[in-house]
Protein backbone atom coordinates (compact mmCIF):
# COMPACT_ATOMS: atom_id res chain seq x y z
CA UNK A 1 77.53 105.99 103.62
CA UNK A 2 74.98 105.08 106.27
CA UNK A 3 75.55 106.32 109.82
CA UNK A 4 75.98 102.83 111.31
CA UNK A 5 78.57 101.98 108.63
CA UNK A 6 80.61 105.06 109.52
CA UNK A 7 80.30 104.23 113.21
CA UNK A 8 81.38 100.60 112.76
CA UNK A 9 84.44 101.63 110.71
CA UNK A 10 85.40 104.30 113.24
CA UNK A 11 84.95 101.83 116.10
CA UNK A 12 87.12 99.22 114.38
CA UNK A 13 89.78 101.85 113.69
CA UNK A 14 89.77 102.94 117.32
CA UNK A 15 90.07 99.38 118.59
CA UNK A 16 92.94 98.61 116.21
CA UNK A 17 94.83 101.77 117.17
CA UNK A 18 94.30 101.04 120.86
CA UNK A 19 95.70 97.54 120.37
CA UNK A 20 98.63 99.01 118.42
CA UNK A 21 99.61 101.41 121.17
CA UNK A 22 99.17 98.65 123.76
CA UNK A 23 101.54 96.40 121.80
CA UNK A 24 104.02 99.24 121.41
CA UNK A 25 103.97 100.03 125.13
CA UNK A 26 104.43 96.38 126.05
CA UNK A 27 107.28 95.97 123.58
CA UNK A 28 109.09 99.24 124.34
CA UNK A 29 111.09 97.98 127.30
CA UNK A 30 114.26 99.86 126.36
CA UNK A 31 115.46 102.75 124.25
CA UNK A 32 114.96 102.16 120.53
CA UNK A 33 118.16 101.82 118.52
CA UNK A 34 119.04 101.14 114.92
CA UNK A 35 119.31 97.46 115.86
CA UNK A 36 115.60 97.20 116.70
CA UNK A 37 114.14 99.91 114.44
CA UNK A 38 111.13 99.14 112.27
CA UNK A 39 111.22 99.01 108.45
CA UNK A 40 108.04 100.71 107.15
CA UNK A 41 106.66 99.90 103.71
CA UNK A 42 103.68 102.24 104.16
CA UNK A 43 102.42 104.56 102.92
CA UNK A 44 103.49 104.01 99.31
CA UNK A 45 102.43 101.28 96.90
CA UNK A 46 106.11 100.51 96.34
CA UNK A 47 107.70 98.07 98.77
CA UNK A 48 111.28 98.45 99.90
CA UNK A 49 113.80 95.74 99.03
CA UNK A 50 115.00 95.65 102.64
CA UNK A 51 113.47 93.24 105.13
CA UNK A 52 112.62 94.05 108.77
CA UNK A 53 114.94 93.08 111.60
CA UNK A 54 115.36 89.31 111.75
CA UNK A 55 112.81 87.76 114.11
CA UNK A 56 110.90 91.00 114.69
CA UNK A 57 107.19 90.75 113.86
CA UNK A 58 105.99 94.11 112.54
CA UNK A 59 102.44 95.32 111.92
CA UNK A 60 101.36 97.99 109.45
CA UNK A 61 97.74 99.13 109.45
CA UNK A 62 95.63 102.09 108.49
CA UNK A 63 92.41 103.48 107.15
CA UNK A 64 91.71 104.58 103.58
CA UNK A 65 88.75 106.34 102.00
CA UNK A 66 88.51 106.45 98.20
CA UNK A 67 86.05 108.43 96.06
CA UNK A 68 85.09 108.02 92.40
CA UNK A 69 82.20 110.30 91.38
CA UNK A 70 79.38 109.30 93.75
CA UNK A 71 80.94 105.93 94.68
CA UNK A 72 82.85 105.48 97.92
CA UNK A 73 85.19 102.78 99.21
CA UNK A 74 86.54 102.58 102.75
CA UNK A 75 88.97 99.99 104.05
CA UNK A 76 91.20 99.03 106.97
CA UNK A 77 94.39 97.65 105.36
CA UNK A 78 96.88 95.65 107.43
CA UNK A 79 100.23 93.95 106.83
CA UNK A 80 102.28 91.64 109.06
CA UNK A 81 106.00 91.42 108.20
CA UNK A 82 108.50 88.87 109.52
CA UNK A 83 112.09 88.22 108.39
CA UNK A 84 113.62 84.80 108.99
CA UNK A 85 117.05 86.15 108.00
CA UNK A 86 118.53 89.15 106.20
CA UNK A 87 117.64 87.48 102.91
CA UNK A 88 114.25 85.78 103.45
CA UNK A 89 110.95 86.96 104.90
CA UNK A 90 107.18 86.68 104.66
CA UNK A 91 104.38 89.26 104.39
CA UNK A 92 100.74 88.58 105.27
CA UNK A 93 98.19 91.30 104.57
CA UNK A 94 94.79 92.35 103.38
CA UNK A 95 91.85 94.45 104.56
CA UNK A 96 90.28 93.83 107.96
CA UNK A 97 87.17 95.65 106.76
CA UNK A 98 85.89 96.89 103.40
CA UNK A 99 82.81 99.05 102.83
CA UNK A 100 81.69 99.77 99.26
CA UNK A 101 78.99 102.33 98.46
CA UNK A 102 78.20 102.61 94.74
CA UNK A 103 76.39 105.93 95.23
CA UNK A 104 73.13 104.46 93.95
CA UNK A 105 71.93 102.83 97.16
CA UNK A 106 73.96 99.60 97.03
CA UNK A 107 76.27 99.06 100.02
CA UNK A 108 78.40 96.01 100.70
CA UNK A 109 80.77 95.43 103.59
CA UNK A 110 82.87 92.63 105.00
CA UNK A 111 86.35 91.15 105.27
CA UNK A 112 88.71 91.75 102.35
CA UNK A 113 90.98 89.44 100.36
CA UNK A 114 94.19 88.12 101.95
CA UNK A 115 97.67 88.11 100.41
CA UNK A 116 100.70 85.98 101.31
CA UNK A 117 104.11 87.03 99.97
CA UNK A 118 107.48 85.31 100.16
CA UNK A 119 110.31 87.82 99.89
CA UNK A 120 113.97 87.49 98.95
CA UNK A 121 116.30 90.43 99.60
CA UNK A 122 119.71 90.95 97.99
CA UNK A 123 121.71 93.47 100.03
CA UNK A 124 124.36 94.95 97.74
CA UNK A 125 125.62 97.69 100.09
CA UNK A 126 124.37 100.09 102.73
CA UNK A 127 122.93 102.24 99.93
CA UNK A 128 121.69 99.62 97.46
CA UNK A 129 119.41 96.59 97.71
CA UNK A 130 117.41 94.41 95.32
CA UNK A 131 114.35 92.35 96.10
CA UNK A 132 112.03 89.69 94.69
CA UNK A 133 108.51 89.03 95.97
CA UNK A 134 106.36 86.01 95.09
CA UNK A 135 102.79 86.50 96.24
CA UNK A 136 99.33 84.99 96.11
CA UNK A 137 96.02 86.68 96.83
CA UNK A 138 93.47 84.37 98.45
CA UNK A 139 89.78 85.15 97.76
CA UNK A 140 88.70 85.58 101.39
CA UNK A 141 86.39 88.49 100.53
CA UNK A 142 82.79 87.72 99.67
CA UNK A 143 81.44 88.93 96.35
CA UNK A 144 81.09 91.66 95.20
CA UNK A 145 83.91 92.88 97.48
CA UNK A 146 86.34 90.49 95.77
CA UNK A 147 86.69 88.63 92.49
CA UNK A 148 86.25 85.23 94.14
CA UNK A 149 89.43 83.99 92.43
CA UNK A 150 93.08 83.71 93.41
CA UNK A 151 95.71 86.00 91.84
CA UNK A 152 99.45 85.53 91.92
CA UNK A 153 102.17 88.17 91.52
CA UNK A 154 105.91 88.43 91.00
CA UNK A 155 107.46 91.77 91.94
CA UNK A 156 110.98 93.02 91.34
CA UNK A 157 112.38 95.81 93.55
CA UNK A 158 115.31 98.20 93.38
CA UNK A 159 116.01 100.32 96.49
CA UNK A 160 118.68 103.02 96.35
CA UNK A 161 119.84 105.88 98.55
CA UNK A 162 120.67 108.95 96.47
CA UNK A 163 122.13 111.34 98.99
CA UNK A 164 119.27 112.42 101.25
CA UNK A 165 116.62 110.78 99.02
CA UNK A 166 115.61 107.11 99.27
CA UNK A 167 114.14 105.58 96.09
CA UNK A 168 112.09 102.38 95.75
CA UNK A 169 111.20 101.18 92.23
CA UNK A 170 108.81 98.23 91.80
CA UNK A 171 108.04 96.38 88.56
CA UNK A 172 105.51 93.56 88.76
CA UNK A 173 103.28 91.19 86.83
CA UNK A 174 100.04 89.75 88.20
CA UNK A 175 98.05 86.83 86.82
CA UNK A 176 94.40 87.53 87.58
CA UNK A 177 92.19 84.55 88.34
CA UNK A 178 89.13 86.44 87.11
CA UNK A 179 89.05 88.65 84.01
CA UNK A 180 86.18 90.11 81.99
CA UNK A 181 85.57 88.89 78.46
CA UNK A 182 87.95 90.54 76.03
CA UNK A 183 90.48 91.46 78.71
CA UNK A 184 93.81 89.87 79.58
CA UNK A 185 94.42 87.78 82.68
CA UNK A 186 97.75 89.61 83.03
CA UNK A 187 98.22 92.99 84.66
CA UNK A 188 101.57 94.82 84.72
CA UNK A 189 102.49 97.46 87.29
CA UNK A 190 105.27 100.01 87.71
CA UNK A 191 105.82 102.38 90.64
CA UNK A 192 108.51 104.72 91.90
CA UNK A 193 108.54 106.13 95.43
CA UNK A 194 110.83 108.90 96.72
CA UNK A 195 111.22 109.77 100.40
CA UNK A 196 113.34 112.32 102.22
CA UNK A 197 113.66 113.86 105.66
CA UNK A 198 112.01 117.25 106.20
CA UNK A 199 112.99 117.79 109.82
CA UNK A 200 113.71 115.85 112.96
CA UNK A 201 111.28 112.87 113.01
CA UNK A 202 109.39 114.11 109.92
CA UNK A 203 109.64 112.67 106.39
CA UNK A 204 107.86 113.22 103.10
CA UNK A 205 107.04 110.58 100.48
CA UNK A 206 106.02 111.14 96.85
CA UNK A 207 105.17 108.35 94.43
CA UNK A 208 103.92 107.66 90.94
CA UNK A 209 102.29 104.29 90.15
CA UNK A 210 100.59 102.84 87.08
CA UNK A 211 98.96 99.58 85.93
CA UNK A 212 98.18 98.17 82.50
CA UNK A 213 95.86 95.33 81.55
CA UNK A 214 95.11 94.64 77.88
CA UNK A 215 91.47 95.24 77.04
CA UNK A 216 90.95 97.81 79.81
CA UNK A 217 91.85 101.44 80.42
CA UNK A 218 95.20 102.09 82.04
CA UNK A 219 95.30 103.15 85.68
CA UNK A 220 97.65 105.68 87.21
CA UNK A 221 98.01 107.69 90.39
CA UNK A 222 100.28 110.02 92.34
CA UNK A 223 100.72 109.88 96.11
CA UNK A 224 101.94 112.48 98.58
CA UNK A 225 102.32 111.72 102.30
CA UNK A 226 103.91 112.92 105.50
CA UNK A 227 105.31 110.53 108.08
CA UNK A 228 106.15 111.17 111.73
CA UNK A 229 108.33 108.85 113.80
CA UNK A 230 108.28 109.71 117.53
CA UNK A 231 110.88 106.96 117.95
CA UNK A 232 112.51 104.25 115.85
CA UNK A 233 109.75 101.73 116.68
CA UNK A 234 106.71 103.72 115.57
CA UNK A 235 105.87 105.61 112.38
CA UNK A 236 102.61 107.45 111.69
CA UNK A 237 101.58 108.52 108.21
CA UNK A 238 98.86 110.53 106.48
CA UNK A 239 98.40 111.60 102.90
CA UNK A 240 96.41 111.66 99.68
CA UNK A 241 96.34 109.75 96.39
CA UNK A 242 95.11 111.44 93.21
CA UNK A 243 93.99 109.35 90.25
CA UNK A 244 95.49 110.24 86.87
CA UNK A 245 93.11 108.34 84.58
CA UNK A 246 89.36 107.82 84.30
CA UNK A 247 89.80 104.19 85.40
CA UNK A 248 91.45 105.22 88.71
CA UNK A 249 89.74 106.38 91.90
CA UNK A 250 89.49 110.16 91.78
CA UNK A 251 90.86 110.73 95.28
CA UNK A 252 91.94 108.64 98.27
CA UNK A 253 92.70 109.92 101.76
CA UNK A 254 94.62 107.65 104.12
CA UNK A 255 96.37 107.42 107.47
CA UNK A 256 98.27 104.61 109.15
CA UNK A 257 100.78 103.36 111.66
CA UNK A 258 103.75 100.95 111.67
CA UNK A 259 104.85 99.24 114.93
CA UNK A 260 106.65 96.11 116.16
CA UNK A 261 104.39 93.50 117.72
CA UNK A 262 107.00 91.18 119.26
CA UNK A 263 110.61 90.03 119.06
CA UNK A 264 110.16 86.31 118.36
CA UNK A 265 113.86 85.42 118.42
């Protein structure tokens, strides 16, 4: 990647993190309790069935660097989460910056696609919850960073506490607006994430995820990450994703943060 591309991504990351800590400082006007704790979905692909605290706007953001042979992809993913009640919420996310380097001299960079998700949670008990997500990806990324078409997804979630281990299982189907000749417009995904406490304020997450689209090679990956929560209103994460098939990125390194932005009501 060219030097100015690395500098611009690092500068954007620094500015975003500075804004995050500023928001956290402004919002942290009392001691964090369970009643105003955040609900992180990062760093796994699998979302939790549970929604954030009603009326609390939360922000998840990070940096990711993926490698496949000589090709590189760097991005600044973000996600805003807001619950209107214990049952209904909305997620707005995407990539604030994407830089693609094909390893052969072609580099493209710009804003990524944007997704909007409506979420319905079904709280069964303190240990069990189900969820449904209905989402649409808007083609806000310029080509070749995006497909230029809208995709829509339905995702089913099961979240379960098994003793000290929290499990999130996601099963989804996506209708792709753009598909190559001889390939299906439908893509199915399945993921299972497991998280547990290692020590005070430290957690570990492990996940398997896979995707299938008729006419293409299957994709699969495993994720391992550590998270650190200095308090109940901030969680930091860092980890690695390893591709399991030839169609998946060989390796992805990532880091991120989850914070509340404001209590709207």
